[in-house]
Every structure is written in C-alpha cells, then in structure tokens.
Amino acid sequence: MLAGASGFSIREAASTGARPWHAESVTPPRERHRLIGVDGSALTVELVPGPPVDDDRVQGRVLFAGRMWNAVAAGRLRTSQPLDELSVADFHLVRDLAERRGVLAYDEAPEPCRNCGGDVPVDRRGSSLETLLAGAPDDRPPEAPFELATPVGKVWRIDQRPVDVAKAKALFRFVANPSAPFDAKVVRALGVRALETARRRVNDPGRIAQRLAEDDALFAVVEALYLELNYPPRLRIPAFCPSCGAIHDAPTPSTREVCEDADAFDRLAGIVRKTDVSFPTYDAFVSRAEELATEVFASRRVANLELVVVGGVPHVDVGGEPLLGSYEPIESDDGARMRFVISLYYRTFASLWDDAPYDVDAEIRETLDHEVEHHLHHLRGHDPLDEEERREAYEELQRTFGPQTVRKAQSDALRGELRVMGRFFFWGAVLCAALLAAAIALGLVEG
C-alpha cells in the first residue's frame, strides 16, 4: 500500500544560508523557513542539518513517517504547531521540506520515463523550495461529496473529507503493519464519512470498512480521493530524463501512505474505457496517417511535403513534453534543395490513448493540419506560431516549478553546455581571444 516517488535535478534557486553541521558543535545551526499551509496560514519550520533521520519506530511501534516524530524528539525538527494538530496536507508539506533539506532519509528509487522508459534520476537534496513554501489557489482540497460517473460496487457517491494528523495516525499504523485489521478507525483516518448507493446511505464506519475490504476497486477510489484531499498540487518535483529530455511531475514526498491507481483516477474523472477497442498497431497507424495526410495536404493546397511516422522515442518540446508532431525544413547534403518533413510520433499518440481513449483519426488530422500551418509560416519567412508555442511552454514551466527555478535550470544547462564546448574547442577559443585582442589593439573593435 506504500507508493514511492522520485524527483528532478534542478538545483535550488535560492540558497537558504545553511552551514554544515558537525557533531562537535555546541549549538547546531538552524534553518528557519516560513511555509504557507493549505488554508493560507503561515507555519514556521526550523530544521537542524545533520545525518538524515530514518527510524520510523515510535514508542516501540512502526508508524508510517514515524521519523517525523523522531526528528522532533531529537531536536532536528521544530514546527510552530504540533505535528498531531496539523492537517495531513500541511504535515506532508513539512515532511517534504525536511526530506529536501536532508533532515529525513528518503527513498532514492528512480522513476521510469514516460517517454523513453529510461531511469529518471532523483535529486531531492538539490530540488528547489520555491513553489513548496508558497501557497497557491489550487491548494484548497476539492469539496465533498464526490459523485462517480459509473458506480463502483453499486456506490455512486462518496462523502470523504480531509483529516488532521491525530486522526490519520490510525492509517499510518495500518499501512506500516500488514497484519493490522482494517477497521472503523482506519476508515475515519481516510476521512470517509459515508458511501451512497441508489437505495441507501451507509454512515457506520464499521460497515464502510467491511464494504471497502470486500471491494478492491472501491477501496482504490477511496485511496485516490485521499490523495486528492490530502496532497496539495505543489507536492511535486520536476524530474528531468537525461536520455530524452522529458520533464515529469514527480509526486513528493518520496513515499505516500496509499497507492496511486490509474484506473481509480479514471473513474473519478469519468473516463470509461472500451475493452473492445484498442489503439492501432504501428503499421495500421502509418497507413491511416498517409491517407489522412493526402487529404489534409490537398485541402490546404500544399505540395512537396514528406510525411514520416516515427516509431521510436519521440522528441520533446521546450517544456519537456513529448511531441505529437513536428515540422522541419531539411537542406539536402549537396545544398541544392530543401526537404520539408512532417513527423508524427506514434508512441506519443499511443501514450495519450493509454491516458484516455480518443478519436485517433481526428487527432492525426488536427496534428497534420497544425504542422502544415508551421510550414506555411516558414515559407513566409516568419513563424509566429512557433514563437507562441515556445512562450506558452516556458510560462507553463514557470507556473509549475516557479520562475526562479526555471531560470536557475536554464543557467545550469547553459554552463554545462559551455563546459562541453570548452573541452572540445579550447584552442579555437584561445585563437579567437587572440584575434579579438589584436583587433582591439588596432582600433578595429571597441574594447
């Protein structure tokens, strides 16, 4: 029932000013942070750097995130409000902060890349605090009750609310002990108040526990709602794939007390999958794309365009999103002519289908038409559509991860590129510098 998460290698945008902690220090240095809770109120958090706390045993019993209480007992973590009085959402905000600053140990397991399938590395200690500490309008949890588009186990409405840490401890004990009973206390800890069918409303926690224990699909929906209610959207780290460049929203902290079930989130979103319909094979997709390309090119009155369907790893845009399609003018090897190539990325189309089924023909047609628009702009000598897409992608990154973090990531990436260039072009750079100095001396260039 425990689920892991991973993070991204964007360095922290602003230094906290923390100094290294040494065991012989008489008064260990403290970091102080002002964290805005989900209700908009400020919470002061003090952290003492040192070896990460990894013991989850509290009063002789293993407790999910028990290391938080042990960090408090050891003087490594102090909050302006006792842990038990915090909402679970604020508790996890503090837990994430303590992991990022090295006070708590965390799971370093990498995430699989959604684009190329490679490993996405984790760098929690280097992740930015910019959006974590600041409040956001979407922090507020969704309001109950929750209606299901399709009933699950005859249940079509669930009354479930956010909980505080004191109440959630029953859940924390349950997930840490596989032999523990799933009872009324755990139901209350999940925040479930009632299950409604077409004929009745079940309010008794004991009966709700029995109903959930007998229906895995219904239990998964309750777990999904628990995550929606108790984990604000800012609990995430941008995770960058070093192989293909895709950027992920990796959930934080490193472990969560309940699992994320894709089917359960589909049910909450009202997505109904047809089991008798599957995504086209690569060959079938290519055949249909070629037919639709002929129609689109004819309707747009364009010629000399080539269509390529890429079956391998898709390219990504400037925001790290895998592309559905791309347009590229390519000069021939002899420079005598230009090729105008539109590419469709089969795996991105298939990935979208996995998220939610859609009209494949309509999506192919729309993508082709969009890339033809790029082609027409290119022929006119200016592509405002490309500029707009880049601007929107950059703004989305800033909204998600914060302007300072994005600027810092760009700066780090530029420095890395310059270091690589320096290794390969050192003597060329020396020559250029000498020529520039000579030009200044001769008065050809102003110094």
Protein backbone atom coordinates (compact mmCIF):
# COMPACT_ATOMS: atom_id res chain seq x y z
CA MET A 1 0.00 0.00 0.00
CA LEU A 2 3.05 2.26 0.16
CA ALA A 3 3.95 4.05 -3.07
CA GLY A 4 7.33 5.56 -3.96
CA ALA A 5 8.12 8.78 -5.88
CA SER A 6 11.18 10.47 -7.29
CA GLY A 7 12.49 13.95 -8.11
CA PHE A 8 14.34 16.23 -10.54
CA SER A 9 17.84 17.60 -10.83
CA ILE A 10 17.01 21.33 -10.86
CA ARG A 11 19.32 22.94 -8.31
CA GLU A 12 17.81 25.05 -5.57
CA ALA A 13 17.25 28.52 -6.95
CA ALA A 14 17.96 30.45 -3.77
CA SER A 15 20.37 29.42 -1.02
CA THR A 16 18.96 29.07 2.47
CA GLY A 17 22.24 30.11 4.00
CA ALA A 18 22.58 26.85 5.95
CA ARG A 19 26.04 25.89 7.19
CA PRO A 20 27.40 22.33 7.54
CA TRP A 21 26.52 20.69 10.86
CA HIS A 22 29.20 18.93 12.87
CA ALA A 23 28.70 16.54 15.76
CA GLU A 24 31.07 18.56 17.97
CA SER A 25 29.07 21.79 17.52
CA VAL A 26 27.83 23.14 20.84
CA THR A 27 24.86 24.91 19.22
CA PRO A 28 23.98 23.31 15.85
CA PRO A 29 22.95 25.86 13.21
CA ARG A 30 19.25 26.05 12.40
CA GLU A 31 17.44 26.79 9.19
CA ARG A 32 14.18 28.66 9.52
CA HIS A 33 11.52 28.54 6.81
CA ARG A 34 8.13 30.22 6.51
CA LEU A 35 5.77 27.69 4.93
CA ILE A 36 2.28 28.67 3.79
CA GLY A 37 -0.24 25.98 4.70
CA VAL A 38 -3.13 24.86 2.51
CA ASP A 39 -5.53 27.18 4.36
CA GLY A 40 -3.27 30.18 3.69
CA SER A 41 -1.89 30.50 7.21
CA ALA A 42 1.86 30.65 7.85
CA LEU A 43 3.73 27.83 9.57
CA THR A 44 7.27 28.31 10.88
CA VAL A 45 9.56 25.32 10.42
CA GLU A 46 13.04 25.06 11.96
CA LEU A 47 15.48 22.41 10.78
CA VAL A 48 18.86 21.33 12.14
CA PRO A 49 21.16 19.84 9.45
CA GLY A 50 22.84 16.54 10.19
CA PRO A 51 22.60 12.82 9.42
CA PRO A 52 19.15 12.00 7.95
CA VAL A 53 16.70 10.51 10.45
CA ASP A 54 15.46 7.13 9.17
CA ASP A 55 13.88 5.41 12.20
CA ASP A 56 10.08 5.02 11.89
CA ARG A 57 9.58 3.32 15.26
CA VAL A 58 7.58 5.48 17.65
CA GLN A 59 7.11 4.16 21.20
CA GLY A 60 8.20 0.73 20.03
CA ARG A 61 5.79 0.55 17.07
CA VAL A 62 6.50 1.19 13.41
CA LEU A 63 4.49 4.14 12.10
CA PHE A 64 4.32 5.48 8.55
CA ALA A 65 6.54 8.61 8.54
CA GLY A 66 7.40 7.88 12.15
CA ARG A 67 10.77 9.51 11.51
CA MET A 68 8.96 12.87 11.65
CA TRP A 69 8.20 12.40 15.35
CA ASN A 70 11.70 11.10 15.97
CA ALA A 71 13.17 14.17 14.27
CA VAL A 72 11.11 16.36 16.60
CA ALA A 73 12.22 14.34 19.65
CA ALA A 74 15.87 14.64 18.58
CA GLY A 75 15.61 18.40 18.20
CA ARG A 76 16.16 18.20 14.45
CA LEU A 77 12.67 19.47 13.51
CA ARG A 78 10.51 22.11 15.15
CA THR A 79 7.18 23.48 13.91
CA SER A 80 5.12 26.38 15.24
CA GLN A 81 2.20 23.95 15.57
CA PRO A 82 2.48 20.39 17.00
CA LEU A 83 2.58 17.65 14.35
CA ASP A 84 -0.60 15.98 15.61
CA GLU A 85 -2.53 19.25 15.21
CA LEU A 86 -1.50 19.77 11.59
CA SER A 87 -3.74 18.87 8.69
CA VAL A 88 -2.36 15.86 6.84
CA ALA A 89 -1.72 18.15 3.86
CA ASP A 90 0.43 20.52 5.94
CA PHE A 91 2.15 17.55 7.58
CA HIS A 92 3.26 16.31 4.17
CA LEU A 93 4.43 19.79 3.17
CA VAL A 94 6.67 19.83 6.26
CA ARG A 95 7.78 16.24 5.57
CA ASP A 96 8.72 17.15 2.01
CA LEU A 97 10.69 20.16 3.24
CA ALA A 98 12.54 18.02 5.79
CA GLU A 99 13.43 15.47 3.10
CA ARG A 100 14.69 18.12 0.69
CA ARG A 101 16.86 19.70 3.38
CA GLY A 102 18.33 16.35 4.44
CA VAL A 103 16.77 16.09 7.90
CA LEU A 104 14.78 12.99 6.92
CA ALA A 105 16.00 9.99 4.93
CA TYR A 106 14.07 9.23 1.75
CA ASP A 107 13.60 6.63 -0.96
CA GLU A 108 16.02 7.29 -3.85
CA ALA A 109 14.40 4.90 -6.36
CA PRO A 110 14.30 6.46 -9.87
CA GLU A 111 11.08 6.89 -11.82
CA PRO A 112 10.63 5.27 -15.24
CA CYS A 113 10.48 7.87 -18.01
CA ARG A 114 7.01 8.16 -19.55
CA ASN A 115 8.61 8.90 -22.92
CA CYS A 116 11.63 6.64 -23.43
CA GLY A 117 11.29 4.21 -20.50
CA GLY A 118 14.73 5.03 -19.09
CA ASP A 119 15.51 5.85 -15.47
CA VAL A 120 14.83 9.40 -14.30
CA PRO A 121 17.35 10.22 -11.53
CA VAL A 122 16.36 11.60 -8.14
CA ASP A 123 17.96 14.67 -6.60
CA ARG A 124 15.76 15.69 -3.68
CA ARG A 125 18.57 17.48 -1.86
CA GLY A 126 19.04 19.70 -4.92
CA SER A 127 15.38 20.44 -5.63
CA SER A 128 14.01 23.96 -5.31
CA LEU A 129 11.90 25.16 -2.38
CA GLU A 130 10.36 27.98 -4.42
CA THR A 131 6.89 26.54 -5.01
CA LEU A 132 6.89 24.22 -1.98
CA LEU A 133 6.96 27.05 0.56
CA ALA A 134 4.47 29.32 -1.21
CA GLY A 135 0.72 28.93 -1.07
CA ALA A 136 -1.33 28.54 -4.25
CA PRO A 137 -5.03 28.97 -5.14
CA ASP A 138 -5.30 25.27 -6.09
CA ASP A 139 -4.10 24.15 -2.63
CA ARG A 140 -7.67 24.01 -1.38
CA PRO A 141 -8.92 20.41 -1.44
CA PRO A 142 -11.94 19.55 -3.61
CA GLU A 143 -15.32 19.66 -1.88
CA ALA A 144 -17.30 16.56 -0.95
CA PRO A 145 -19.42 14.66 -1.78
CA PHE A 146 -17.93 13.03 -4.87
CA GLU A 147 -20.19 11.52 -7.49
CA LEU A 148 -18.93 8.69 -9.69
CA ALA A 149 -19.92 8.76 -13.36
CA THR A 150 -20.06 4.96 -13.24
CA PRO A 151 -20.95 3.27 -9.93
CA VAL A 152 -18.28 1.11 -8.32
CA GLY A 153 -19.68 -1.80 -6.34
CA LYS A 154 -23.08 -0.05 -6.62
CA VAL A 155 -21.64 3.01 -4.85
CA TRP A 156 -22.21 6.19 -6.84
CA ARG A 157 -21.45 8.88 -4.25
CA ILE A 158 -18.69 9.10 -1.60
CA ASP A 159 -18.60 11.60 1.25
CA GLN A 160 -14.91 11.94 2.11
CA ARG A 161 -13.08 14.86 3.77
CA PRO A 162 -9.52 15.99 4.61
CA VAL A 163 -8.23 14.85 8.02
CA ASP A 164 -5.73 16.01 10.61
CA VAL A 165 -2.66 14.05 11.70
CA ALA A 166 -4.14 12.93 15.03
CA LYS A 167 -6.94 11.15 13.18
CA ALA A 168 -4.70 9.92 10.34
CA LYS A 169 -2.40 8.07 12.76
CA ALA A 170 -4.68 5.04 12.60
CA LEU A 171 -3.99 4.87 8.86
CA PHE A 172 -0.27 5.45 9.44
CA ARG A 173 -0.21 2.45 11.81
CA PHE A 174 -2.26 0.30 9.44
CA VAL A 175 -0.04 0.77 6.37
CA ALA A 176 3.10 0.10 8.45
CA ASN A 177 1.73 -3.20 9.80
CA PRO A 178 0.36 -5.65 7.18
CA SER A 179 -1.29 -7.77 9.86
CA ALA A 180 -3.24 -4.86 11.38
CA PRO A 181 -7.03 -5.00 10.99
CA PHE A 182 -8.79 -2.71 8.55
CA ASP A 183 -11.42 -1.29 10.89
CA ALA A 184 -13.56 1.73 11.68
CA LYS A 185 -10.56 3.74 12.94
CA VAL A 186 -8.81 3.37 9.59
CA VAL A 187 -12.00 4.40 7.76
CA ARG A 188 -12.16 7.58 9.87
CA ALA A 189 -8.44 8.14 9.22
CA LEU A 190 -9.14 8.01 5.47
CA GLY A 191 -11.77 10.69 6.00
CA VAL A 192 -14.65 8.55 4.70
CA ARG A 193 -17.98 9.60 6.23
CA ALA A 194 -20.48 7.85 4.00
CA LEU A 195 -20.97 5.63 0.97
CA GLU A 196 -24.17 6.07 -1.02
CA THR A 197 -25.86 3.60 -3.32
CA ALA A 198 -29.07 4.14 -5.26
CA ARG A 199 -31.04 2.75 -2.32
CA ARG A 200 -29.20 3.70 0.87
CA ARG A 201 -26.54 5.79 2.59
CA VAL A 202 -24.02 3.83 4.70
CA ASN A 203 -22.70 6.02 7.55
CA ASP A 204 -21.42 3.44 10.02
CA PRO A 205 -17.56 3.28 9.84
CA GLY A 206 -17.53 -0.42 10.68
CA ARG A 207 -19.88 -1.28 7.81
CA ILE A 208 -17.93 1.00 5.48
CA ALA A 209 -14.73 -0.85 6.47
CA GLN A 210 -16.34 -4.17 5.62
CA ARG A 211 -17.57 -2.81 2.27
CA LEU A 212 -14.12 -1.49 1.33
CA ALA A 213 -12.36 -4.68 2.44
CA GLU A 214 -14.57 -6.70 0.08
CA ASP A 215 -14.17 -4.45 -2.99
CA ASP A 216 -10.65 -3.63 -4.22
CA ALA A 217 -11.89 -1.27 -6.92
CA LEU A 218 -13.94 0.77 -4.43
CA PHE A 219 -11.02 0.81 -1.98
CA ALA A 220 -8.76 2.14 -4.78
CA VAL A 221 -11.21 5.00 -5.46
CA VAL A 222 -11.19 5.91 -1.75
CA GLU A 223 -7.38 5.90 -1.79
CA ALA A 224 -7.38 8.17 -4.85
CA LEU A 225 -9.73 10.59 -3.11
CA TYR A 226 -7.49 10.54 -0.02
CA LEU A 227 -4.58 11.67 -2.21
CA GLU A 228 -6.70 14.38 -3.83
CA LEU A 229 -7.81 15.68 -0.43
CA ASN A 230 -4.55 15.48 1.50
CA TYR A 231 -1.76 16.13 -1.01
CA PRO A 232 -1.81 19.66 -2.50
CA PRO A 233 -0.64 20.03 -6.13
CA ARG A 234 2.61 21.73 -5.12
CA LEU A 235 3.82 18.46 -3.61
CA ARG A 236 5.81 17.51 -6.67
CA ILE A 237 9.31 17.85 -8.05
CA PRO A 238 10.24 18.36 -11.71
CA ALA A 239 12.04 15.22 -12.83
CA PHE A 240 14.25 15.50 -15.92
CA CYS A 241 15.06 12.48 -18.09
CA PRO A 242 18.73 12.66 -19.11
CA SER A 243 18.13 10.37 -22.11
CA CYS A 244 15.27 12.09 -23.96
CA GLY A 245 14.75 15.38 -22.13
CA ALA A 246 11.17 14.71 -20.98
CA ILE A 247 10.12 16.54 -17.82
CA HIS A 248 7.93 14.77 -15.27
CA ASP A 249 5.82 15.99 -12.37
CA ALA A 250 7.14 13.51 -9.82
CA PRO A 251 4.99 13.26 -6.67
CA THR A 252 6.58 14.09 -3.32
CA PRO A 253 7.42 13.27 -0.55
CA SER A 254 9.32 10.13 -1.51
CA THR A 255 6.70 7.71 -0.16
CA ARG A 256 2.96 8.10 0.28
CA GLU A 257 0.75 6.14 2.62
CA VAL A 258 -1.63 4.95 -0.12
CA CYS A 259 -1.08 3.82 -3.70
CA GLU A 260 -1.86 5.79 -6.85
CA ASP A 261 -4.15 3.69 -9.04
CA ALA A 262 -4.60 4.96 -12.61
CA ASP A 263 -7.92 3.16 -13.05
CA ALA A 264 -9.28 4.75 -9.87
CA PHE A 265 -8.37 8.24 -11.08
CA ASP A 266 -10.06 7.40 -14.40
CA ARG A 267 -13.25 6.56 -12.53
CA LEU A 268 -13.10 9.85 -10.64
CA ALA A 269 -12.58 11.72 -13.92
CA GLY A 270 -15.49 9.88 -15.56
CA ILE A 271 -13.27 8.11 -18.09
CA VAL A 272 -14.81 4.86 -19.30
CA ARG A 273 -12.54 2.59 -21.30
CA LYS A 274 -13.98 0.36 -24.01
CA THR A 275 -12.33 -3.02 -23.72
CA ASP A 276 -13.39 -3.96 -27.26
CA VAL A 277 -11.43 -1.07 -28.84
CA SER A 278 -7.63 -0.93 -28.89
CA PHE A 279 -5.08 1.53 -30.22
CA PRO A 280 -3.96 0.86 -33.83
CA THR A 281 -0.77 -1.08 -34.45
CA TYR A 282 2.17 0.87 -35.85
CA ASP A 283 1.56 -0.38 -39.42
CA ALA A 284 -2.15 0.44 -39.23
CA PHE A 285 -1.35 3.88 -37.83
CA VAL A 286 1.14 4.58 -40.66
CA SER A 287 -1.38 3.53 -43.29
CA ARG A 288 -4.12 5.74 -41.87
CA ALA A 289 -1.75 8.69 -41.36
CA GLU A 290 -0.71 8.54 -45.02
CA GLU A 291 -4.33 8.53 -46.17
CA LEU A 292 -5.21 11.49 -43.94
CA ALA A 293 -2.04 13.37 -44.98
CA THR A 294 -3.12 13.15 -48.62
CA GLU A 295 -6.50 14.67 -47.69
CA VAL A 296 -5.04 17.42 -45.48
CA PHE A 297 -2.33 18.43 -47.97
CA ALA A 298 -4.92 18.60 -50.74
CA SER A 299 -7.34 20.70 -48.70
CA ARG A 300 -4.51 23.04 -47.69
CA ARG A 301 -3.20 23.15 -51.31
CA VAL A 302 0.37 22.34 -50.31
CA ALA A 303 2.85 20.13 -52.14
CA ASN A 304 6.36 18.76 -51.69
CA LEU A 305 5.73 17.80 -48.06
CA GLU A 306 7.07 14.50 -46.75
CA LEU A 307 5.40 12.51 -44.00
CA VAL A 308 7.43 10.38 -41.58
CA VAL A 309 5.86 8.31 -38.80
CA VAL A 310 8.43 7.82 -36.05
CA GLY A 311 8.06 4.57 -34.14
CA GLY A 312 10.95 5.22 -31.74
CA VAL A 313 11.36 7.64 -28.84
CA PRO A 314 9.60 10.94 -29.60
CA HIS A 315 11.33 14.30 -29.44
CA VAL A 316 10.16 16.70 -26.72
CA ASP A 317 9.28 20.40 -26.88
CA VAL A 318 10.96 23.17 -24.88
CA GLY A 319 8.66 22.37 -21.95
CA GLY A 320 9.79 18.74 -21.85
CA GLU A 321 6.52 17.34 -23.28
CA PRO A 322 6.73 14.50 -25.84
CA LEU A 323 5.65 15.77 -29.24
CA LEU A 324 2.68 14.51 -31.25
CA GLY A 325 4.12 16.00 -34.42
CA SER A 326 6.86 18.28 -35.72
CA TYR A 327 7.80 20.20 -38.84
CA GLU A 328 11.36 20.60 -40.09
CA PRO A 329 12.85 22.07 -43.27
CA ILE A 330 15.96 19.99 -44.07
CA GLU A 331 18.65 21.04 -46.52
CA SER A 332 19.93 18.25 -48.78
CA ASP A 333 23.54 17.10 -48.41
CA ASP A 334 24.60 18.92 -51.56
CA GLY A 335 22.69 22.06 -50.56
CA ALA A 336 20.82 22.02 -53.86
CA ARG A 337 17.31 21.66 -52.46
CA MET A 338 15.17 21.71 -49.32
CA ARG A 339 13.07 18.88 -47.96
CA PHE A 340 10.00 19.78 -45.90
CA VAL A 341 9.31 16.98 -43.42
CA ILE A 342 6.34 16.49 -41.12
CA SER A 343 6.87 13.83 -38.45
CA LEU A 344 4.20 12.09 -36.38
CA TYR A 345 5.31 10.33 -33.20
CA TYR A 346 3.45 7.06 -32.83
CA ARG A 347 4.40 6.45 -29.20
CA THR A 348 3.02 9.83 -28.08
CA PHE A 349 -0.32 9.09 -29.75
CA ALA A 350 -0.33 5.67 -28.06
CA SER A 351 0.54 7.19 -24.68
CA LEU A 352 -2.38 9.62 -24.95
CA TRP A 353 -4.65 6.66 -25.67
CA ASP A 354 -3.40 4.96 -22.51
CA ASP A 355 -4.36 8.08 -20.55
CA ALA A 356 -7.82 8.25 -22.12
CA PRO A 357 -9.24 6.82 -25.38
CA TYR A 358 -9.92 9.42 -28.11
CA ASP A 359 -10.78 9.78 -31.82
CA VAL A 360 -7.44 8.77 -33.39
CA ASP A 361 -8.32 9.96 -36.92
CA ALA A 362 -9.37 13.38 -35.62
CA GLU A 363 -6.15 13.74 -33.61
CA ILE A 364 -3.96 12.74 -36.59
CA ARG A 365 -5.82 15.16 -38.86
CA GLU A 366 -5.52 18.04 -36.37
CA THR A 367 -1.80 17.39 -35.86
CA LEU A 368 -1.12 17.27 -39.59
CA ASP A 369 -3.04 20.50 -40.15
CA HIS A 370 -1.08 22.17 -37.33
CA GLU A 371 2.27 21.18 -38.84
CA VAL A 372 1.15 22.39 -42.28
CA GLU A 373 0.48 25.75 -40.62
CA HIS A 374 4.11 25.79 -39.43
CA HIS A 375 5.20 25.02 -42.99
CA LEU A 376 3.20 27.93 -44.45
CA HIS A 377 4.65 30.32 -41.86
CA HIS A 378 8.13 29.07 -42.68
CA LEU A 379 7.62 29.76 -46.39
CA ARG A 380 6.62 33.35 -45.50
CA GLY A 381 9.88 33.74 -43.59
CA HIS A 382 8.45 34.07 -40.05
CA ASP A 383 6.70 31.55 -37.79
CA PRO A 384 4.74 33.32 -35.02
CA LEU A 385 3.05 30.01 -34.16
CA ASP A 386 6.41 28.53 -33.12
CA GLU A 387 7.20 31.59 -31.01
CA GLU A 388 3.81 31.37 -29.28
CA GLU A 389 4.23 27.66 -28.53
CA ARG A 390 7.66 28.24 -27.03
CA ARG A 391 6.37 31.12 -24.92
CA GLU A 392 3.42 29.05 -23.63
CA ALA A 393 5.68 26.09 -22.79
CA TYR A 394 8.07 28.36 -20.89
CA GLU A 395 5.22 30.02 -18.97
CA GLU A 396 3.78 26.62 -18.07
CA LEU A 397 7.16 25.57 -16.65
CA GLN A 398 7.25 28.78 -14.60
CA ARG A 399 3.73 28.21 -13.29
CA THR A 400 4.53 24.65 -12.31
CA PHE A 401 8.02 24.96 -10.87
CA GLY A 402 8.47 28.69 -10.26
CA PRO A 403 10.29 31.41 -12.25
CA GLN A 404 13.46 31.30 -10.13
CA THR A 405 13.75 27.52 -10.50
CA VAL A 406 13.30 27.65 -14.28
CA ARG A 407 15.84 30.46 -14.66
CA LYS A 408 18.32 28.57 -12.46
CA ALA A 409 17.81 25.38 -14.51
CA GLN A 410 18.46 27.30 -17.73
CA SER A 411 21.61 28.80 -16.23
CA ASP A 412 22.88 25.39 -15.08
CA ALA A 413 22.15 23.86 -18.50
CA LEU A 414 23.99 26.72 -20.27
CA ARG A 415 27.02 26.33 -18.01
CA GLY A 416 27.07 22.60 -18.73
CA GLU A 417 26.96 23.22 -22.49
CA LEU A 418 29.74 25.79 -22.24
CA ARG A 419 31.91 23.32 -20.29
CA VAL A 420 31.43 20.70 -23.02
CA MET A 421 32.20 23.27 -25.71
CA GLY A 422 35.29 24.34 -23.77
CA ARG A 423 36.67 20.79 -23.73
CA PHE A 424 36.31 20.41 -27.49
CA PHE A 425 37.05 23.95 -28.64
CA PHE A 426 39.67 25.18 -26.17
CA TRP A 427 42.32 26.03 -28.74
CA GLY A 428 39.77 27.61 -31.04
CA ALA A 429 38.66 29.82 -28.17
CA VAL A 430 42.26 30.80 -27.46
CA LEU A 431 42.73 31.74 -31.12
CA CYS A 432 39.52 33.80 -31.16
CA ALA A 433 40.59 35.61 -27.99
CA ALA A 434 43.98 36.43 -29.54
CA LEU A 435 42.36 37.75 -32.72
CA LEU A 436 39.90 39.83 -30.68
CA ALA A 437 42.74 41.33 -28.62
CA ALA A 438 44.62 42.21 -31.80
CA ALA A 439 41.54 43.85 -33.31
CA ILE A 440 41.06 45.96 -30.18
CA ALA A 441 44.73 46.98 -30.25
CA LEU A 442 44.39 48.08 -33.88
CA GLY A 443 41.27 50.08 -33.09
CA LEU A 444 39.07 47.90 -35.29
CA VAL A 445 36.83 46.91 -32.37
CA GLU A 446 35.95 48.99 -29.32
CA GLY A 447 37.10 47.41 -26.06
